[in-house]
Each structure stands twice: as structure tokens, then as C-alpha cells.
Amino acid sequence: MKRGFFFGLMNVNRIDRIRAFRKLCTLKERGLTRQAITTEIFSQFNIPKSTIYFWYTGRNTPTGSTG
């Protein structure tokens, strides 16, 4: 099976990624730990944990790279 770039995100549509990102921002504002946020987003939206970490640190957004 050939994998595409960011193969884990191929199964999640753009709207769900944006919802997940908004939830991440909300949880981050509430002061939850990175691990708790990552676990919550992963279990609810099935987005790879590495992607969630990049969102958390500000390296990426749901629509692509920030820089």
C-alpha cells in the first residue's frame, strides 16, 4: 500500500481538522496539559498525535504550514 504525504490526515476531511484545531485552542486556553489535549483530540478526531503536537506548538495549522 502506497502512502501519501501526511497519510494519517488523508482520512480526515478539512472541516473535521478545523473543528479539531478549534477544540485544541479551547482546551489550551483552559490550561490543560499538552498530553491531555493530544489524547482528547486523537480519541475524538483520529488525527495523528504528531500533527496535534505541531498544531499545539504553532508549527502548522489545519490548512498547512505556517512558515
Protein backbone atom coordinates (compact mmCIF):
# COMPACT_ATOMS: atom_id res chain seq x y z
CA MET A 1 0.00 0.00 0.00
CA LYS A 2 1.44 3.32 -1.07
CA ARG A 3 1.21 6.10 1.48
CA GLY A 4 0.77 9.72 0.58
CA PHE A 5 2.28 12.71 2.36
CA PHE A 6 0.69 13.04 5.80
CA PHE A 7 -1.13 9.76 5.21
CA GLY A 8 -2.96 10.00 8.53
CA LEU A 9 -4.64 13.23 7.53
CA MET A 10 -5.96 11.81 4.29
CA ASN A 11 -8.73 10.05 6.23
CA VAL A 12 -9.84 13.24 7.98
CA ASN A 13 -11.62 15.90 5.95
CA ARG A 14 -10.81 19.60 6.15
CA ILE A 15 -13.88 20.52 8.22
CA ASP A 16 -13.04 17.94 10.89
CA ARG A 17 -9.42 19.15 11.02
CA ILE A 18 -10.61 22.72 11.58
CA ARG A 19 -13.03 21.56 14.29
CA ALA A 20 -10.21 19.64 15.95
CA PHE A 21 -7.91 22.67 15.79
CA ARG A 22 -10.57 24.90 17.35
CA LYS A 23 -11.09 22.37 20.12
CA LEU A 24 -7.32 22.26 20.68
CA CYS A 25 -7.26 26.05 21.05
CA THR A 26 -10.16 25.94 23.51
CA LEU A 27 -8.53 23.22 25.61
CA LYS A 28 -5.22 25.08 25.54
CA GLU A 29 -6.92 28.25 26.81
CA ARG A 30 -8.41 26.23 29.68
CA GLY A 31 -4.90 25.29 30.76
CA LEU A 32 -4.94 21.55 30.05
CA THR A 33 -1.60 19.82 29.61
CA ARG A 34 -0.24 19.04 26.16
CA GLN A 35 -0.63 15.33 26.80
CA ALA A 36 -4.27 15.67 27.89
CA ILE A 37 -5.08 17.79 24.84
CA THR A 38 -3.33 15.40 22.48
CA THR A 39 -5.15 12.39 23.92
CA GLU A 40 -8.53 14.14 23.76
CA ILE A 41 -8.14 15.32 20.15
CA PHE A 42 -6.72 11.98 19.00
CA SER A 43 -9.53 9.95 20.55
CA GLN A 44 -12.27 12.21 19.22
CA PHE A 45 -11.00 13.04 15.71
CA ASN A 46 -8.41 10.30 14.96
CA ILE A 47 -5.76 12.82 13.92
CA PRO A 48 -2.13 11.69 14.31
CA LYS A 49 -0.55 12.79 17.57
CA SER A 50 2.43 14.29 15.76
CA THR A 51 0.09 16.58 13.82
CA ILE A 52 -1.66 17.62 17.01
CA TYR A 53 1.72 18.41 18.57
CA PHE A 54 2.66 20.60 15.58
CA TRP A 55 -0.64 22.45 15.95
CA TYR A 56 -0.04 22.83 19.67
CA THR A 57 3.43 24.32 19.17
CA GLY A 58 2.27 26.56 16.32
CA ARG A 59 4.40 24.95 13.59
CA ASN A 60 1.38 24.01 11.50
CA THR A 61 -2.31 24.78 11.09
CA PRO A 62 -5.09 22.52 9.81
CA THR A 63 -4.73 24.04 6.36
CA GLY A 64 -0.93 23.71 6.10
CA SER A 65 2.36 25.03 7.34
CA THR A 66 2.68 28.45 8.99
CA GLY A 67 6.08 29.18 7.61
